[in-house]
């Protein structure tokens, strides 16, 4: 299976039940057989509940994907989506279009 597809499917499974109302975007990058980096953007400063949800996601990924190193970033940002620094693959993006 293609590595990008494997990562996308694994992350989608890991996100089930672990997406809070504050999660804006999840993206990732990787170097095959070396590391994977996950970036979680929130609309609040990371608190214990948000950190616990990210920990659950990482635990699921660690059992599913074969990377020796996992890195995560949990970032508060109120910048518009277009200005967020994205990694190679976006796996979750909250709809933030204006409500009419």
N, C-alpha and C. Protein backbone atom coordinates (compact mmCIF):
# COMPACT_ATOMS: atom_id res chain seq x y z
N UNK A 1 0.85 -1.19 0.00
CA UNK A 1 0.00 0.00 0.00
C UNK A 1 0.89 1.25 0.00
N UNK A 2 0.50 2.23 -0.73
CA UNK A 2 1.17 3.52 -0.79
C UNK A 2 1.24 4.12 0.63
N UNK A 3 2.39 4.67 1.01
CA UNK A 3 2.60 5.19 2.37
C UNK A 3 1.62 6.32 2.70
N UNK A 4 1.37 7.22 1.75
CA UNK A 4 0.43 8.31 2.02
C UNK A 4 -0.97 7.78 2.31
N UNK A 5 -1.41 6.80 1.56
CA UNK A 5 -2.73 6.21 1.80
C UNK A 5 -2.76 5.52 3.16
N UNK A 6 -1.71 4.80 3.50
CA UNK A 6 -1.62 4.12 4.80
C UNK A 6 -1.71 5.13 5.94
N UNK A 7 -0.98 6.22 5.83
CA UNK A 7 -0.99 7.26 6.87
C UNK A 7 -2.37 7.91 6.95
N UNK A 8 -2.94 8.24 5.82
CA UNK A 8 -4.26 8.88 5.79
C UNK A 8 -5.31 7.99 6.45
N UNK A 9 -5.33 6.71 6.09
CA UNK A 9 -6.32 5.79 6.67
C UNK A 9 -6.11 5.61 8.17
N UNK A 10 -4.86 5.49 8.57
CA UNK A 10 -4.56 5.32 9.99
C UNK A 10 -4.98 6.54 10.80
N UNK A 11 -4.66 7.73 10.28
CA UNK A 11 -5.04 8.96 10.98
C UNK A 11 -6.55 9.13 11.03
N UNK A 12 -7.25 8.79 9.95
CA UNK A 12 -8.70 8.90 9.95
C UNK A 12 -9.31 7.98 11.03
N UNK A 13 -8.78 6.78 11.15
CA UNK A 13 -9.26 5.86 12.21
C UNK A 13 -8.96 6.43 13.59
N UNK A 14 -7.75 6.97 13.76
CA UNK A 14 -7.33 7.49 15.07
C UNK A 14 -8.15 8.72 15.47
N UNK A 15 -8.62 9.48 14.51
CA UNK A 15 -9.40 10.68 14.81
C UNK A 15 -10.83 10.36 15.27
N UNK A 16 -11.34 9.19 14.92
CA UNK A 16 -12.71 8.84 15.29
C UNK A 16 -12.85 8.89 16.82
N UNK A 17 -13.75 9.74 17.27
CA UNK A 17 -14.00 9.88 18.71
C UNK A 17 -13.01 10.76 19.44
N UNK A 18 -12.02 11.31 18.72
CA UNK A 18 -10.98 12.12 19.36
C UNK A 18 -10.90 13.54 18.81
N UNK A 19 -11.94 13.99 18.13
CA UNK A 19 -11.97 15.34 17.58
C UNK A 19 -12.82 16.22 18.49
N UNK A 20 -12.19 17.21 19.09
CA UNK A 20 -12.93 18.13 19.96
C UNK A 20 -13.44 19.30 19.13
N UNK A 21 -14.27 20.10 19.74
CA UNK A 21 -14.81 21.29 19.06
C UNK A 21 -13.72 22.32 18.78
N UNK A 22 -12.57 22.19 19.42
CA UNK A 22 -11.50 23.17 19.27
C UNK A 22 -10.47 22.80 18.20
N UNK A 23 -10.56 21.59 17.65
CA UNK A 23 -9.59 21.15 16.65
C UNK A 23 -9.91 21.79 15.30
N UNK A 24 -8.96 22.51 14.75
CA UNK A 24 -9.15 23.19 13.47
C UNK A 24 -8.58 22.38 12.31
N UNK A 25 -7.38 21.85 12.50
CA UNK A 25 -6.72 21.15 11.40
C UNK A 25 -5.70 20.16 11.96
N UNK A 26 -5.54 19.05 11.23
CA UNK A 26 -4.47 18.09 11.51
C UNK A 26 -3.74 17.86 10.20
N UNK A 27 -2.43 18.01 10.24
CA UNK A 27 -1.61 17.74 9.06
C UNK A 27 -0.36 16.99 9.49
N UNK A 28 0.31 16.41 8.54
CA UNK A 28 1.50 15.63 8.89
C UNK A 28 2.51 15.62 7.76
N UNK A 29 3.71 15.21 8.13
CA UNK A 29 4.81 15.01 7.20
C UNK A 29 5.57 13.79 7.70
N UNK A 30 6.37 13.17 6.86
CA UNK A 30 7.11 11.99 7.28
C UNK A 30 8.31 11.76 6.38
N UNK A 31 9.23 10.98 6.92
CA UNK A 31 10.34 10.43 6.16
C UNK A 31 10.27 8.94 6.38
N UNK A 32 9.99 8.21 5.30
CA UNK A 32 9.70 6.78 5.41
C UNK A 32 10.78 6.03 6.19
N UNK A 33 10.32 5.19 7.10
CA UNK A 33 11.15 4.33 7.95
C UNK A 33 11.99 5.12 8.95
N UNK A 34 11.71 6.44 9.11
CA UNK A 34 12.49 7.24 10.06
C UNK A 34 11.60 7.97 11.06
N UNK A 35 10.67 8.83 10.57
CA UNK A 35 9.87 9.63 11.49
C UNK A 35 8.57 10.07 10.83
N UNK A 36 7.62 10.43 11.69
CA UNK A 36 6.39 11.08 11.26
C UNK A 36 6.15 12.26 12.20
N UNK A 37 5.72 13.36 11.65
CA UNK A 37 5.46 14.58 12.44
C UNK A 37 3.99 14.95 12.22
N UNK A 38 3.29 15.15 13.32
CA UNK A 38 1.88 15.54 13.28
C UNK A 38 1.72 16.91 13.88
N UNK A 39 0.93 17.74 13.22
CA UNK A 39 0.66 19.08 13.72
C UNK A 39 -0.85 19.23 13.91
N UNK A 40 -1.23 19.63 15.12
CA UNK A 40 -2.63 19.82 15.48
C UNK A 40 -2.85 21.31 15.75
N UNK A 41 -3.73 21.94 14.99
CA UNK A 41 -4.07 23.34 15.21
C UNK A 41 -5.37 23.42 16.00
N UNK A 42 -5.35 24.23 17.05
CA UNK A 42 -6.53 24.44 17.91
C UNK A 42 -6.94 25.90 17.88
N UNK A 43 -8.19 26.15 18.26
CA UNK A 43 -8.65 27.54 18.37
C UNK A 43 -8.57 28.05 19.80
N UNK A 44 -7.94 27.27 20.70
CA UNK A 44 -7.67 27.67 22.08
C UNK A 44 -6.25 27.25 22.43
N UNK A 45 -5.72 27.80 23.52
CA UNK A 45 -4.44 27.31 24.01
C UNK A 45 -4.61 25.85 24.43
N UNK A 46 -3.66 24.98 24.12
CA UNK A 46 -3.80 23.57 24.48
C UNK A 46 -3.98 23.40 25.98
N UNK A 47 -5.03 22.68 26.38
CA UNK A 47 -5.26 22.36 27.79
C UNK A 47 -5.10 20.85 27.97
N UNK A 48 -5.30 20.38 29.18
CA UNK A 48 -5.09 18.95 29.47
C UNK A 48 -6.02 18.06 28.65
N UNK A 49 -7.26 18.48 28.46
CA UNK A 49 -8.21 17.67 27.69
C UNK A 49 -7.76 17.53 26.23
N UNK A 50 -7.31 18.64 25.64
CA UNK A 50 -6.84 18.60 24.25
C UNK A 50 -5.57 17.75 24.14
N UNK A 51 -4.68 17.90 25.10
CA UNK A 51 -3.44 17.10 25.09
C UNK A 51 -3.75 15.61 25.23
N UNK A 52 -4.74 15.27 26.03
CA UNK A 52 -5.14 13.87 26.21
C UNK A 52 -5.70 13.30 24.91
N UNK A 53 -6.52 14.08 24.20
CA UNK A 53 -7.06 13.62 22.92
C UNK A 53 -5.94 13.37 21.91
N UNK A 54 -4.96 14.27 21.85
CA UNK A 54 -3.81 14.09 20.96
C UNK A 54 -3.03 12.84 21.37
N UNK A 55 -2.89 12.62 22.66
CA UNK A 55 -2.19 11.43 23.15
C UNK A 55 -2.91 10.15 22.70
N UNK A 56 -4.23 10.16 22.74
CA UNK A 56 -5.01 9.00 22.28
C UNK A 56 -4.78 8.76 20.79
N UNK A 57 -4.75 9.82 20.02
CA UNK A 57 -4.52 9.71 18.57
C UNK A 57 -3.13 9.12 18.32
N UNK A 58 -2.14 9.63 19.04
CA UNK A 58 -0.76 9.15 18.85
C UNK A 58 -0.63 7.68 19.25
N UNK A 59 -1.29 7.29 20.32
CA UNK A 59 -1.24 5.89 20.76
C UNK A 59 -1.79 4.97 19.67
N UNK A 60 -2.92 5.36 19.08
CA UNK A 60 -3.48 4.58 17.98
C UNK A 60 -2.52 4.50 16.80
N UNK A 61 -1.89 5.62 16.47
CA UNK A 61 -0.96 5.63 15.34
C UNK A 61 0.27 4.78 15.59
N UNK A 62 0.79 4.85 16.80
CA UNK A 62 1.99 4.09 17.13
C UNK A 62 1.78 2.59 17.01
N UNK A 63 0.55 2.13 17.26
CA UNK A 63 0.27 0.70 17.12
C UNK A 63 -0.03 0.32 15.67
N UNK A 64 -0.32 1.33 14.84
CA UNK A 64 -0.76 1.08 13.47
C UNK A 64 0.33 1.33 12.43
N UNK A 65 1.19 2.30 12.67
CA UNK A 65 2.21 2.69 11.69
C UNK A 65 3.60 2.32 12.18
N UNK A 66 4.47 2.00 11.24
CA UNK A 66 5.83 1.59 11.60
C UNK A 66 6.82 2.73 11.37
N UNK A 67 6.86 3.64 12.33
CA UNK A 67 7.85 4.71 12.34
C UNK A 67 8.60 4.63 13.67
N UNK A 68 9.92 4.72 13.64
CA UNK A 68 10.68 4.68 14.89
C UNK A 68 10.43 5.91 15.78
N UNK A 69 10.15 7.05 15.14
CA UNK A 69 9.96 8.29 15.91
C UNK A 69 8.67 8.97 15.51
N UNK A 70 7.94 9.42 16.52
CA UNK A 70 6.72 10.20 16.33
C UNK A 70 6.93 11.56 16.98
N UNK A 71 6.64 12.61 16.24
CA UNK A 71 6.72 13.97 16.78
C UNK A 71 5.34 14.61 16.66
N UNK A 72 4.98 15.40 17.66
CA UNK A 72 3.72 16.11 17.56
C UNK A 72 3.88 17.55 17.98
N UNK A 73 3.07 18.39 17.37
CA UNK A 73 2.99 19.80 17.73
C UNK A 73 1.52 20.11 17.95
N UNK A 74 1.22 20.75 19.07
CA UNK A 74 -0.14 21.20 19.35
C UNK A 74 -0.07 22.72 19.41
N UNK A 75 -0.72 23.37 18.45
CA UNK A 75 -0.53 24.80 18.25
C UNK A 75 -1.85 25.54 18.34
N UNK A 76 -1.87 26.60 19.15
CA UNK A 76 -3.00 27.52 19.14
C UNK A 76 -2.77 28.53 18.03
N UNK A 77 -3.81 28.75 17.22
CA UNK A 77 -3.73 29.80 16.21
C UNK A 77 -5.13 30.28 15.87
N UNK A 78 -5.25 31.59 15.78
CA UNK A 78 -6.51 32.16 15.31
C UNK A 78 -6.34 32.79 13.92
N UNK A 79 -5.23 32.45 13.27
CA UNK A 79 -5.01 32.91 11.90
C UNK A 79 -6.03 32.25 10.97
N UNK A 80 -6.36 32.90 9.86
CA UNK A 80 -7.22 32.25 8.87
C UNK A 80 -6.53 31.00 8.32
N UNK A 81 -7.33 30.05 7.86
CA UNK A 81 -6.80 28.78 7.36
C UNK A 81 -5.70 29.00 6.32
N UNK A 82 -5.88 29.94 5.43
CA UNK A 82 -4.91 30.16 4.36
C UNK A 82 -3.53 30.51 4.89
N UNK A 83 -3.46 31.06 6.10
CA UNK A 83 -2.18 31.52 6.65
C UNK A 83 -1.54 30.50 7.59
N UNK A 84 -2.23 29.41 7.87
CA UNK A 84 -1.64 28.38 8.73
C UNK A 84 -0.52 27.66 7.97
N UNK A 85 0.54 27.33 8.68
CA UNK A 85 1.64 26.60 8.07
C UNK A 85 1.27 25.12 8.00
N UNK A 86 1.08 24.65 6.79
CA UNK A 86 0.63 23.28 6.58
C UNK A 86 1.80 22.36 6.29
N UNK A 87 1.67 21.11 6.69
CA UNK A 87 2.65 20.10 6.34
C UNK A 87 2.20 19.38 5.07
N UNK A 88 2.91 18.35 4.67
CA UNK A 88 2.69 17.65 3.40
C UNK A 88 1.26 17.16 3.20
N UNK A 89 0.64 16.61 4.22
CA UNK A 89 -0.67 15.98 4.08
C UNK A 89 -1.64 16.54 5.11
N UNK A 90 -2.78 17.06 4.66
CA UNK A 90 -3.84 17.50 5.56
C UNK A 90 -4.83 16.36 5.68
N UNK A 91 -5.10 15.92 6.92
CA UNK A 91 -6.03 14.80 7.12
C UNK A 91 -7.33 15.23 7.78
N UNK A 92 -7.35 16.44 8.34
CA UNK A 92 -8.58 16.96 8.93
C UNK A 92 -8.55 18.48 8.79
N UNK A 93 -9.69 19.04 8.40
CA UNK A 93 -9.80 20.49 8.26
C UNK A 93 -11.23 20.86 8.59
N UNK A 94 -11.39 21.60 9.66
CA UNK A 94 -12.72 22.05 10.10
C UNK A 94 -13.25 23.12 9.15
N UNK A 95 -14.52 23.05 8.84
CA UNK A 95 -15.15 24.07 8.01
C UNK A 95 -15.22 25.37 8.79
N UNK A 96 -14.58 26.41 8.26
CA UNK A 96 -14.56 27.70 8.92
C UNK A 96 -15.09 28.80 8.01
N UNK A 97 -15.93 28.41 7.07
CA UNK A 97 -16.54 29.41 6.20
C UNK A 97 -17.49 30.28 7.00
N UNK A 98 -17.62 31.53 6.63
CA UNK A 98 -18.56 32.41 7.35
C UNK A 98 -19.98 31.87 7.26
N UNK A 99 -20.72 32.01 8.34
CA UNK A 99 -22.11 31.59 8.36
C UNK A 99 -22.96 32.76 7.88
N UNK A 100 -23.83 32.52 6.92
CA UNK A 100 -24.67 33.60 6.35
C UNK A 100 -26.02 33.60 7.01
